[in-house]
Protein backbone atom coordinates (compact mmCIF):
# COMPACT_ATOMS: atom_id res chain seq x y z
CA MET A 1 95.04 -117.52 183.45
CA ASN A 2 93.48 -113.96 181.29
CA LEU A 3 96.17 -112.46 178.79
CA LYS A 4 96.15 -109.43 177.51
CA GLN A 5 95.77 -110.19 173.61
CA GLU A 6 99.18 -108.27 173.45
CA VAL A 7 100.99 -110.79 175.90
CA ILE A 8 99.18 -113.51 173.65
CA GLN A 9 100.31 -112.15 169.63
CA SER A 10 104.00 -111.39 171.86
CA ILE A 11 103.84 -115.60 172.90
CA LYS A 12 102.85 -116.70 169.15
CA ARG A 13 105.12 -114.63 168.10
CA GLU A 14 108.13 -116.10 170.00
CA ASP A 15 106.49 -119.33 168.88
CA SER A 16 106.31 -118.19 165.07
CA ILE A 17 110.77 -117.80 165.98
CA CYS A 18 111.22 -120.76 168.05
CA ASN A 19 109.27 -122.69 165.09
CA ILE A 20 112.52 -120.77 162.43
CA ALA A 21 115.73 -121.48 165.12
CA ILE A 22 114.77 -125.10 165.00
CA ASP A 23 114.30 -125.77 161.45
CA HIS A 24 117.53 -124.08 160.83
CA LEU A 25 119.01 -126.11 162.85
CA LYS A 26 117.84 -129.56 162.86
CA LYS A 27 118.94 -128.43 158.87
CA SER A 28 121.96 -127.86 160.44
CA CYS A 29 122.26 -131.57 162.17
CA HIS A 30 120.67 -132.98 159.10
CA ASP A 31 123.97 -131.07 157.17
CA PHE A 32 126.05 -132.99 159.47
CA GLU A 33 123.91 -136.16 159.43
CA LYS A 34 125.66 -136.41 155.23
CA LYS A 35 128.34 -135.21 156.18
CA TYR A 36 129.31 -137.66 158.22
CA HIS A 37 127.42 -140.93 157.74
CA MET A 38 125.53 -141.05 161.01
CA SER A 39 121.96 -140.18 163.21
CA THR A 40 122.49 -137.26 165.05
CA GLY A 41 121.32 -139.70 167.71
CA SER A 42 123.88 -142.36 166.98
CA PHE A 43 126.39 -138.81 166.94
CA LEU A 44 124.81 -137.80 170.12
CA LYS A 45 125.29 -140.77 171.83
CA LYS A 46 129.02 -142.35 170.41
CA PHE A 47 130.25 -138.45 170.84
CA ASN A 48 129.19 -138.90 175.00
CA LYS A 49 130.93 -141.84 175.13
CA GLY A 50 134.47 -139.77 173.89
CA LYS A 51 134.49 -142.75 171.02
CA LEU A 52 134.90 -140.02 168.46
CA GLY A 53 137.45 -137.28 169.18
CA ASP A 54 138.43 -134.04 169.35
CA GLU A 55 136.89 -132.91 165.88
CA GLN A 56 135.57 -128.94 165.64
CA ASP A 57 132.91 -130.59 163.49
CA PHE A 58 131.82 -132.99 166.20
CA PHE A 59 131.62 -129.64 169.25
CA LYS A 60 129.60 -128.19 166.52
CA TRP A 61 127.27 -130.88 166.03
CA TYR A 62 126.58 -131.06 169.52
CA SER A 63 126.47 -127.70 170.04
CA VAL A 64 123.60 -127.51 167.97
CA SER A 65 121.81 -130.90 168.81
CA GLU A 66 121.23 -128.74 172.47
CA GLY A 67 120.43 -125.78 170.56
CA VAL A 68 117.46 -127.44 169.35
CA LYS A 69 116.32 -129.65 172.32
CA ASP A 70 116.82 -125.85 174.32
CA TRP A 71 114.05 -123.90 171.62
CA LEU A 72 112.26 -127.03 171.94
CA LYS A 73 111.58 -126.30 175.35
CA THR A 74 111.38 -122.75 175.25
CA ARG A 75 109.15 -123.92 172.81
CA SER A 76 106.56 -126.18 174.08
CA ALA A 77 106.80 -123.84 177.49
CA LEU A 78 105.19 -121.20 175.46
CA ARG A 79 102.61 -122.96 174.29
CA GLU A 80 101.90 -124.30 178.14
CA ILE A 81 100.88 -120.70 178.23
CA LEU A 82 99.26 -120.01 175.63
CA LYS A 83 96.20 -123.58 176.91
C-alpha cells in the first residue's frame, strides 16, 4: 500500500494520541491498584464474577481498564497500517 505522506503523518499523530491516552488510563489503573491493594487483573477477575459489590469506584476502574484495551487495539491497528 502506498500512502501519501500527509496520511502517514496523520496516522503517526493518532499513534501519539493513543500513547498519551494509554499512559493516562494506565496511571488511573495504577491509582486504583494502590487504593484497593490489588492488580487490575485480579480486580477484573473478581469484578466479572460479581465478588466486589457495586461501589462506584469499581465501575470506574472497570471502564478505565476497558479504555486501555480499546486504545491498545486502536494503536495496534494504526501501526499495522504503517508496516
